[in-house]
Protein backbone atom coordinates (compact mmCIF):
# COMPACT_ATOMS: atom_id res chain seq x y z
CA MET A 1 339.38 16.28 188.77
CA ALA A 2 341.56 13.59 187.24
CA PHE A 3 344.63 15.74 187.98
CA VAL A 4 343.75 16.06 191.67
CA VAL A 5 342.85 12.39 192.08
CA VAL A 6 346.35 11.54 190.83
CA ALA A 7 348.03 13.85 193.32
CA ALA A 8 345.89 12.56 196.17
CA ALA A 9 346.59 8.90 195.52
CA ALA A 10 350.26 8.98 194.50
CA GLY A 11 352.27 6.14 196.00
CA ALA A 12 349.47 4.51 197.95
CA TYR A 13 348.92 1.15 196.26
CA LEU A 14 346.17 -0.18 198.52
CA TYR A 15 344.36 3.12 198.38
CA LEU A 16 344.63 3.09 194.59
CA GLU A 17 342.93 -0.29 194.52
CA HIS A 18 340.17 1.09 196.73
CA LEU A 19 339.70 4.05 194.40
CA ASN A 20 339.59 1.70 191.41
CA ASP A 21 336.65 -0.06 193.06
CA ASN A 22 334.88 3.29 193.45
CA ILE A 23 335.01 4.14 189.74
CA GLN A 24 331.79 3.66 187.79
CA SER A 25 332.11 3.26 184.04
CA VAL A 26 329.78 2.65 181.11
CA SER A 27 330.54 1.78 177.50
CA ASP A 28 331.19 4.50 174.96
CA ASP A 29 329.49 2.21 172.39
CA GLY A 30 332.06 3.15 169.76
CA ALA A 31 331.01 6.82 169.82
CA SER A 32 334.43 8.14 170.91
CA THR A 33 337.80 8.31 169.19
CA GLY A 34 338.89 5.41 171.38
CA GLY A 35 340.38 7.60 174.10
CA PHE A 36 342.64 10.64 174.36
CA SER A 37 346.26 10.62 173.14
CA LYS A 38 349.22 12.34 174.77
CA ASP A 39 350.49 13.71 171.45
CA LYS A 40 347.17 15.15 170.22
CA ALA A 41 344.61 17.72 171.28
CA ILE A 42 342.14 16.33 173.84
CA ASN A 43 338.35 16.61 173.71
CA ILE A 44 336.49 15.55 176.87
CA LEU A 45 332.69 15.68 177.06
CA LEU A 46 331.53 16.73 180.55
CA ILE A 47 327.86 15.92 181.20
CA GLY A 48 325.88 17.12 184.20
CA THR A 49 322.65 15.15 184.58
CA ASP A 50 319.58 16.25 186.56
CA LYS A 51 318.77 12.71 187.64
CA ARG A 52 317.38 12.93 191.19
CA THR A 53 319.01 9.80 192.66
CA GLY A 54 320.88 10.14 195.94
CA ALA A 55 319.95 11.19 199.46
CA GLY A 56 317.96 14.42 199.62
CA ASN A 57 317.73 14.97 195.87
CA GLU A 58 314.14 13.79 195.50
CA LYS A 59 312.96 17.07 197.06
CA TYR A 60 313.86 18.89 193.83
CA GLY A 61 310.86 17.32 192.08
CA ASP A 62 310.62 15.01 189.08
CA SER A 63 312.12 12.31 191.28
CA GLY A 64 311.29 9.51 188.85
CA SER A 65 313.05 11.12 185.89
CA ALA A 66 315.69 9.15 184.02
CA GLY A 67 317.66 12.38 183.84
CA HIS A 68 318.71 14.59 180.95
CA ALA A 69 321.90 16.08 179.54
CA ASP A 70 321.13 19.13 181.65
CA THR A 71 324.57 20.77 181.64
CA THR A 72 327.00 19.78 178.89
CA ILE A 73 330.48 21.14 178.25
CA LEU A 74 332.91 20.11 175.54
CA LEU A 75 336.38 20.65 177.01
CA HIS A 76 339.05 21.07 174.32
CA VAL A 77 342.67 21.02 175.51
CA SER A 78 345.19 22.18 172.90
CA LYS A 79 347.78 19.83 171.47
CA ASP A 80 350.62 21.75 173.17
CA ARG A 81 348.59 21.98 176.45
CA SER A 82 349.09 25.75 176.55
CA ASN A 83 345.36 26.55 176.49
CA ALA A 84 341.89 25.04 176.66
CA THR A 85 338.34 25.96 175.68
CA ALA A 86 335.24 24.89 177.63
CA LEU A 87 332.27 25.11 175.25
CA SER A 88 328.84 25.02 176.94
CA ILE A 89 326.01 23.48 174.93
CA PRO A 90 322.55 24.82 175.87
CA ARG A 91 320.13 22.15 177.05
CA ASP A 92 317.29 23.77 175.05
CA LEU A 93 319.21 23.89 171.77
CA ILE A 94 317.26 22.26 168.91
CA VAL A 95 319.40 19.49 167.38
CA ASP A 96 319.20 16.21 165.51
CA ILE A 97 319.91 13.21 167.75
CA PRO A 98 321.33 10.38 165.59
CA ASP A 99 320.57 6.68 165.93
CA CYS A 100 322.54 5.32 168.87
CA PRO A 101 323.83 1.70 169.08
CA THR A 102 323.81 0.99 172.83
CA GLU A 103 325.05 -1.90 174.92
CA GLN A 104 322.31 -3.26 177.20
CA GLU A 105 322.75 -4.62 180.74
CA ASP A 106 322.56 -8.21 179.48
CA GLY A 107 325.37 -7.58 176.98
CA SER A 108 323.14 -7.38 173.92
CA ARG A 109 323.10 -4.35 171.63
CA LYS A 110 320.13 -2.17 170.74
CA VAL A 111 319.92 0.71 168.31
CA ILE A 112 317.95 3.53 169.91
CA GLN A 113 316.18 5.48 167.22
CA GLY A 114 317.25 9.10 166.79
CA GLU A 115 315.07 12.21 166.68
CA THR A 116 315.18 15.29 164.48
CA GLY A 117 314.44 18.81 165.63
CA THR A 118 314.40 18.10 169.36
CA ARG A 119 316.05 19.50 172.48
CA PHE A 120 319.68 18.61 173.11
CA ASN A 121 318.98 17.49 176.69
CA LYS A 122 316.95 14.53 175.37
CA SER A 123 320.20 12.97 174.11
CA LEU A 124 320.64 11.39 177.58
CA GLY A 125 318.20 9.34 179.66
CA GLN A 126 315.22 9.60 177.35
CA ALA A 127 314.26 6.40 175.46
CA GLY A 128 317.11 4.60 177.25
CA ARG A 129 319.84 6.83 175.81
CA THR A 130 323.26 6.60 177.47
CA PRO A 131 326.16 9.11 177.52
CA SER A 132 327.37 7.63 174.23
CA CYS A 133 324.20 9.01 172.61
CA THR A 134 325.06 12.48 173.92
CA MET A 135 328.54 11.99 172.53
CA ARG A 136 327.15 11.12 169.08
CA THR A 137 324.85 14.14 169.22
CA VAL A 138 327.79 16.44 169.98
CA THR A 139 329.71 15.00 167.03
CA GLU A 140 326.69 15.53 164.78
CA LEU A 141 326.30 19.10 166.04
CA THR A 142 329.91 20.31 166.10
CA GLY A 143 331.88 17.99 163.82
CA ILE A 144 334.14 17.25 166.82
CA LYS A 145 334.38 13.63 168.01
CA PRO A 146 335.04 13.49 171.78
CA ASP A 147 337.83 11.27 173.10
CA ASN A 148 336.16 10.53 176.43
CA PHE A 149 333.24 11.53 178.62
CA MET A 150 332.61 12.13 182.33
CA VAL A 151 329.13 12.32 183.88
CA ALA A 152 328.29 14.08 187.15
CA ASP A 153 324.96 14.21 189.02
CA PHE A 154 323.61 16.41 191.82
CA ASN A 155 325.64 14.53 194.41
CA ALA A 156 328.89 15.29 192.57
CA VAL A 157 328.33 19.04 192.97
CA LYS A 158 327.62 18.66 196.68
CA THR A 159 330.39 16.25 197.59
CA LEU A 160 333.18 17.79 195.49
CA THR A 161 332.59 21.31 196.79
CA SER A 162 332.53 20.05 200.37
CA ALA A 163 335.70 18.05 199.79
CA VAL A 164 337.67 21.19 198.83
CA GLY A 165 336.21 23.26 201.64
CA GLY A 166 333.91 25.32 199.41
CA VAL A 167 334.43 27.55 196.38
CA GLU A 168 334.16 31.33 196.12
CA VAL A 169 331.46 32.81 193.89
CA CYS A 170 330.10 36.31 193.39
CA LEU A 171 326.61 37.76 192.94
CA GLY A 172 325.96 41.21 191.51
CA LYS A 173 322.58 41.39 193.28
CA ASP A 174 320.56 39.74 196.05
CA ILE A 175 319.03 36.41 195.03
CA ASP A 176 316.15 34.56 196.67
CA ASP A 177 315.06 31.78 194.33
CA PRO A 178 312.37 29.43 195.76
CA ASP A 179 312.79 27.01 192.86
CA SER A 180 316.51 26.29 193.34
CA HIS A 181 316.49 27.23 197.08
CA LEU A 182 319.32 29.75 196.60
CA ASN A 183 319.10 32.62 199.08
CA LEU A 184 322.23 34.81 199.09
CA PRO A 185 322.82 38.57 199.30
CA LYS A 186 324.88 40.55 196.81
CA GLY A 187 328.66 40.03 197.05
CA LYS A 188 331.20 37.22 197.37
CA HIS A 189 330.42 33.95 199.12
CA VAL A 190 332.09 30.61 199.78
CA ILE A 191 329.55 27.89 198.97
CA GLU A 192 329.52 24.12 199.28
CA GLY A 193 327.12 21.19 199.49
CA GLU A 194 323.42 22.00 199.10
CA GLN A 195 324.16 25.69 198.66
CA ALA A 196 326.55 24.96 195.78
CA LEU A 197 323.90 22.80 194.09
CA ALA A 198 321.35 25.60 194.49
CA PHE A 199 323.83 28.04 192.91
CA VAL A 200 324.33 25.97 189.73
CA ARG A 201 320.60 25.19 189.45
CA THR A 202 319.22 28.72 189.78
CA ARG A 203 318.11 30.48 186.61
CA HIS A 204 314.93 32.48 187.18
CA SER A 205 316.74 35.07 189.29
CA VAL A 206 319.67 35.90 187.01
CA GLY A 207 319.97 37.53 183.60
CA LEU A 208 316.90 36.92 181.46
CA GLY A 209 315.79 34.06 183.68
CA GLY A 210 316.50 31.23 181.24
CA ASP A 211 318.99 28.45 180.70
CA LEU A 212 321.48 30.71 178.90
CA SER A 213 321.71 32.90 182.01
CA ARG A 214 322.21 29.82 184.18
CA ILE A 215 325.08 28.70 181.95
CA GLY A 216 326.92 31.87 182.97
CA LEU A 217 326.49 30.93 186.64
CA GLN A 218 327.72 27.41 185.98
CA GLN A 219 330.79 28.69 184.14
CA GLN A 220 331.58 31.00 187.07
CA PHE A 221 331.17 28.05 189.46
CA LEU A 222 333.43 25.75 187.43
CA SER A 223 336.07 28.48 187.13
CA ALA A 224 336.05 28.84 190.91
CA LEU A 225 336.26 25.08 191.38
CA MET A 226 339.21 24.86 188.97
CA ARG A 227 341.07 27.58 190.87
CA LYS A 228 340.42 25.83 194.17
CA LEU A 229 341.47 22.43 192.85
CA LYS A 230 344.82 23.80 191.65
CA SER A 231 345.48 26.05 194.63
CA ASN A 232 348.20 25.32 197.18
CA ASP A 233 345.50 25.32 199.84
CA THR A 234 344.14 22.13 198.27
CA LEU A 235 347.27 20.49 196.88
CA LYS A 236 349.26 20.84 200.13
CA SER A 237 346.52 19.44 202.35
CA PRO A 238 346.69 15.61 202.57
CA THR A 239 343.29 15.55 204.25
CA LYS A 240 341.61 17.52 201.47
CA MET A 241 343.38 15.53 198.78
CA PHE A 242 342.31 12.13 200.08
CA THR A 243 338.78 13.36 200.77
CA LEU A 244 338.64 14.76 197.24
CA ALA A 245 339.94 11.55 195.66
CA GLU A 246 337.29 9.58 197.54
CA ALA A 247 334.51 11.98 196.57
CA GLY A 248 335.63 12.29 192.97
CA THR A 249 335.85 8.59 192.21
CA LYS A 250 332.41 8.02 193.75
CA ALA A 251 330.72 11.02 192.16
CA LEU A 252 331.78 10.69 188.54
CA THR A 253 330.78 8.11 185.94
CA VAL A 254 333.34 7.75 183.16
CA ASP A 255 333.55 5.92 179.85
CA SER A 256 335.21 2.52 179.58
CA GLN A 257 338.45 4.12 178.34
CA LEU A 258 338.88 5.88 181.73
CA ASP A 259 337.83 3.07 184.06
CA SER A 260 340.97 2.90 186.22
CA ILE A 261 343.16 5.18 188.29
CA ASP A 262 346.05 4.49 185.91
CA LYS A 263 344.03 5.84 182.98
CA LEU A 264 342.82 8.81 185.00
CA LYS A 265 346.42 9.40 186.04
CA ASP A 266 347.55 9.69 182.43
CA LEU A 267 344.74 12.14 181.70
CA GLY A 268 345.46 14.04 184.90
CA LEU A 269 349.11 14.51 183.99
CA GLU A 270 348.04 16.08 180.69
CA LEU A 271 345.40 18.35 182.26
CA GLY A 272 347.83 19.34 185.01
CA LYS A 273 349.99 21.14 182.44
CA LEU A 274 347.23 23.68 181.86
CA ASN A 275 347.31 27.14 183.43
CA VAL A 276 343.79 28.20 184.46
CA LYS A 277 344.30 31.69 183.03
CA ASN A 278 344.39 30.07 179.60
CA LEU A 279 341.14 28.13 180.14
CA THR A 280 338.37 29.98 178.31
CA PHE A 281 334.66 29.43 178.94
CA THR A 282 332.24 30.23 176.13
CA THR A 283 328.85 29.05 174.87
CA VAL A 284 327.65 27.76 171.50
CA PRO A 285 326.32 30.87 169.71
CA VAL A 286 322.53 30.62 169.39
CA ILE A 287 319.47 32.66 168.48
CA ASP A 288 315.83 32.33 169.54
CA ASN A 289 313.94 29.59 167.71
CA PRO A 290 312.09 31.45 164.91
CA ALA A 291 309.48 28.66 164.77
CA GLU A 292 308.15 29.54 168.24
CA LYS A 293 305.79 32.37 169.17
CA VAL A 294 306.71 32.04 172.84
CA LYS A 295 310.50 31.80 172.88
CA VAL A 296 311.55 28.71 174.84
CA THR A 297 314.15 26.90 172.74
CA VAL A 298 317.10 28.14 170.69
CA VAL A 299 318.78 27.21 167.41
CA LEU A 300 322.35 27.62 166.18
CA ASN A 301 323.46 31.08 165.15
CA PRO A 302 324.11 30.25 161.47
CA SER A 303 326.99 32.70 161.07
CA LYS A 304 328.82 32.45 164.40
CA ALA A 305 328.38 28.82 165.52
CA PRO A 306 330.27 27.26 162.56
CA GLU A 307 333.17 29.66 163.23
CA VAL A 308 333.40 28.48 166.85
CA PHE A 309 333.27 24.80 165.86
CA GLN A 310 335.91 25.29 163.16
CA ALA A 311 338.22 27.16 165.54
CA ILE A 312 338.10 24.28 168.03
CA GLN A 313 338.57 21.73 165.24
CA ASN A 314 341.70 23.62 164.18
CA ASP A 315 343.05 23.89 167.76
CA VAL A 316 342.82 27.69 167.76
CA SER A 317 343.33 29.30 171.18
CA PHE A 318 340.51 31.46 172.55
CA THR A 319 342.98 33.18 174.90
CA GLU A 320 345.70 35.67 173.94
CA ILE A 321 348.33 34.01 171.77
CA LYS A 322 351.69 33.94 173.52
CA GLN A 323 354.82 35.33 171.92
CA GLN A 324 356.03 31.84 171.06
CA LYS A 325 352.74 31.08 169.35
CA LYS A 326 353.04 34.29 167.36
CA LYS A 327 356.47 33.19 166.14
CA GLU A 328 355.09 29.77 165.19
CA ALA A 329 352.16 31.36 163.37
CA SER A 330 354.53 33.65 161.48
CA ALA A 331 356.69 30.70 160.44
CA VAL A 332 353.64 28.84 159.14
CA ALA A 333 352.34 31.90 157.28
CA ALA A 334 355.79 32.35 155.67
CA ARG A 335 355.27 29.12 153.73
CA LEU A 336 352.78 30.96 151.53
CA LYS A 337 355.17 33.80 150.73
CA GLY A 338 357.47 33.68 147.73
CA SER A 339 357.38 32.98 144.03
CA LYS A 340 354.75 30.67 142.55
CA ALA A 341 355.23 28.28 139.67
CA ASP A 342 352.87 28.35 136.73
CA ALA A 343 349.89 26.03 137.20
CA SER A 344 351.01 23.96 134.22
CA GLU A 345 354.27 23.17 136.04
CA VAL A 346 352.61 21.89 139.23
CA ARG A 347 353.05 18.14 139.56
CA VAL A 348 350.88 16.53 142.23
CA ARG A 349 349.30 13.23 143.11
CA ILE A 350 345.93 13.34 144.90
CA MET A 351 344.90 10.91 147.63
CA ASN A 352 341.66 10.52 149.58
CA GLY A 353 342.36 10.58 153.31
CA GLY A 354 338.87 10.86 154.79
CA ALA A 355 336.95 12.98 152.27
CA PRO A 356 333.72 11.64 150.73
CA ALA A 357 334.14 8.87 148.17
CA GLY A 358 335.05 10.20 144.74
CA SER A 359 336.63 13.41 146.06
CA ALA A 360 340.09 12.65 144.67
CA GLN A 361 338.72 12.16 141.14
CA GLU A 362 336.48 15.22 141.48
CA THR A 363 339.47 17.35 142.51
CA LEU A 364 341.65 15.91 139.74
CA SER A 365 339.06 16.78 137.08
CA TRP A 366 338.63 20.29 138.47
CA LEU A 367 342.37 20.95 138.64
CA GLN A 368 342.96 19.71 135.11
CA THR A 369 339.99 21.30 133.35
CA GLU A 370 339.47 24.49 135.37
CA GLU A 371 342.89 25.34 136.79
CA ASN A 372 345.34 23.97 134.14
CA VAL A 373 347.11 21.71 136.65
CA THR A 374 347.56 19.05 134.00
CA LYS A 375 350.47 17.23 135.64
CA SER A 376 348.20 15.69 138.27
CA GLU A 377 346.97 12.18 138.97
CA ASN A 378 344.60 10.25 141.21
CA ALA A 379 346.65 8.09 143.60
CA GLY A 380 343.67 6.46 145.34
CA ASN A 381 343.16 6.16 149.08
CA ALA A 382 345.71 7.41 151.58
CA PRO A 383 347.22 4.92 154.07
CA ALA A 384 345.46 6.67 156.97
CA SER A 385 342.52 9.01 157.53
CA LEU A 386 343.31 12.69 158.23
CA SER A 387 341.12 15.32 159.86
CA LYS A 388 342.76 18.10 157.82
CA THR A 389 343.78 18.28 154.16
CA THR A 390 347.57 18.43 153.73
CA LEU A 391 350.03 19.18 150.94
CA GLU A 392 353.42 17.50 151.29
CA TYR A 393 356.33 18.73 149.18
CA ALA A 394 360.12 18.79 148.97
CA PRO A 395 362.07 22.08 149.47
CA ASP A 396 362.73 22.43 145.73
CA GLN A 397 358.96 22.15 145.09
CA ALA A 398 358.05 25.14 147.29
CA ASP A 399 357.08 27.34 144.34
CA GLN A 400 354.76 24.59 143.06
CA ALA A 401 353.32 24.15 146.56
CA ARG A 402 352.57 27.86 146.86
CA ARG A 403 350.75 27.84 143.53
CA LEU A 404 348.63 24.81 144.44
CA ALA A 405 347.91 26.27 147.91
CA ALA A 406 346.63 29.44 146.23
CA ILE A 407 344.43 27.43 143.88
CA MET A 408 343.05 25.17 146.63
CA GLY A 409 342.71 27.91 149.26
CA LEU A 410 345.07 26.07 151.63
CA SER A 411 346.56 27.72 154.71
CA GLY A 412 350.23 27.61 155.62
CA ALA A 413 349.37 25.04 158.29
CA ALA A 414 348.23 22.62 155.58
CA MET A 415 351.61 22.83 153.84
CA LYS A 416 354.02 20.15 155.08
CA PRO A 417 357.63 20.52 153.91
CA GLY A 418 359.30 17.13 153.70
CA LYS A 419 360.87 14.62 151.35
CA SER A 420 360.17 14.25 147.66
CA VAL A 421 358.22 11.25 146.36
CA THR A 422 357.89 9.95 142.82
CA ASN A 423 354.78 9.38 140.77
CA ALA A 424 353.94 6.43 138.48
CA GLN A 425 356.33 7.82 135.83
CA GLY A 426 359.20 8.06 138.31
CA LEU A 427 359.07 11.88 138.41
CA PRO A 428 359.22 13.92 141.63
CA THR A 429 355.76 14.96 142.76
CA MET A 430 353.93 16.55 145.64
CA THR A 431 351.15 14.74 147.57
CA LEU A 432 347.79 16.36 148.22
CA THR A 433 345.81 14.33 150.77
CA LEU A 434 342.15 15.30 151.09
CA GLY A 435 341.07 15.11 154.72
CA LYS A 436 337.71 15.11 156.48
CA ASP A 437 337.58 18.90 156.18
CA PHE A 438 337.35 18.70 152.38
CA LYS A 439 334.08 20.28 151.23
CA GLY A 440 334.31 19.90 147.46
CA ALA A 441 336.51 20.88 144.53
CA GLY A 442 336.97 24.63 144.39
CA VAL A 443 335.85 25.25 148.00
CA PRO A 444 338.68 27.03 149.90
CA LEU A 445 340.21 25.12 152.81
CA THR A 446 341.86 27.96 154.68
CA ALA A 447 341.81 27.12 158.40
CA PRO A 448 341.11 29.87 160.96
CA THR A 449 344.14 31.26 162.80
CA LYS A 450 342.26 33.29 165.41
CA ALA A 451 339.20 32.66 167.54
CA PRO A 452 335.88 34.23 166.49
CA ASP A 453 334.50 37.20 168.39
CA VAL A 454 332.16 35.63 170.96
CA GLU A 455 331.32 36.24 174.62
CA LYS A 456 333.84 34.43 176.80
CA SER A 457 335.57 34.44 180.18
CA THR A 458 338.75 32.86 181.55
CA ALA A 459 338.97 30.63 184.60
CA ASP A 460 341.42 32.89 186.47
CA LYS A 461 338.90 35.72 186.91
CA VAL A 462 335.87 36.13 189.18
CA GLU A 463 332.75 37.23 187.27
CA CYS A 464 329.81 38.46 189.39
CA ALA A 465 326.42 37.15 188.26
CA LYS A 466 323.68 39.77 187.71
């Protein structure tokens, strides 16, 4: 959306000012990273709320509701912009919602009390929770801190699909759903407006009739919208582009880091580098809630969900790795190959760069007493916090680095060839910086290099709902 808004508004100063006035923003309340960066992977939280405001939406019932986090997707765009993963989070997933400091309308701040063991969709709207509360809940759930968020309501679905002239979807069977008002025969259809909203809301007529089945429909819909947004039919039509820019800036609520066309432009330029065939849709792996006799909610799949979260944290592509990526992966893996020095010859200083307090001393004691790495020392806190543990070493220390990597369970990606530094005695030493991924002395830190085996689809293909 940001990408298309940029293309639509390029060069039109007065129109840009008008679009700036359209943009609605709310505070992220310190729940984000502070905004995306051009030289890092990007994590955008996309929230679809079922709030019934807007003309015609009261007919869907529950008109007085404050809305929920009804459809939530964590969009991860790789650091090199070659691929992206859209991770759907089920609304009925049981999670812990943390306390949420929230800015009130009068400028004061209020901490909204969290809840344990409750549905994810209550992270927005309920008890006065704002999108920043959903953002904090996602961080608590996945270990991934979003850079920004965008919120869309029912009107966004209707106006955006009409602005592009409709999107093509496919049904594997006839559907007549009185709850969502979707009535379409089997086959392909171009939908927009009310019909598009009915498509993304229907659930009782597809799959097993629950929210997980509806997620599949929504992923199909978003794939179709992405293809239409990036098609020549849209990009070469000035009328569609300006209509889309108008609709988009009115329909979406963004965080305070994205509250201008200039900021959206910068994001759009990054997202525009992505090829839709490398955008993968998948869902947080879950299982039925074992605490319920009648299965309504779900809980995390304890074996598969952590693998998905870790893959995204480590910027692993869920699409086929290109030849260039294979070469890069081979080069990284090669750092682990070769001779290894004896543990007693490994000289390293240990710094804490985001691990729990005391981790550097804990690791030092373990290395010296359990692993015979006696030439090691605690160098205190690192100058900056790191998400991943790293081992920096000079070329002539490679054999020492390989030994320490084997002891620590480090991957080749954690090994950073560079310049030599000296320790307190003036001797050349390596630097081991414990990042936020550190889980304790002796716990291997090998990062995943391939995506876990989960159900997924890519945005370049049409999947027919059944």
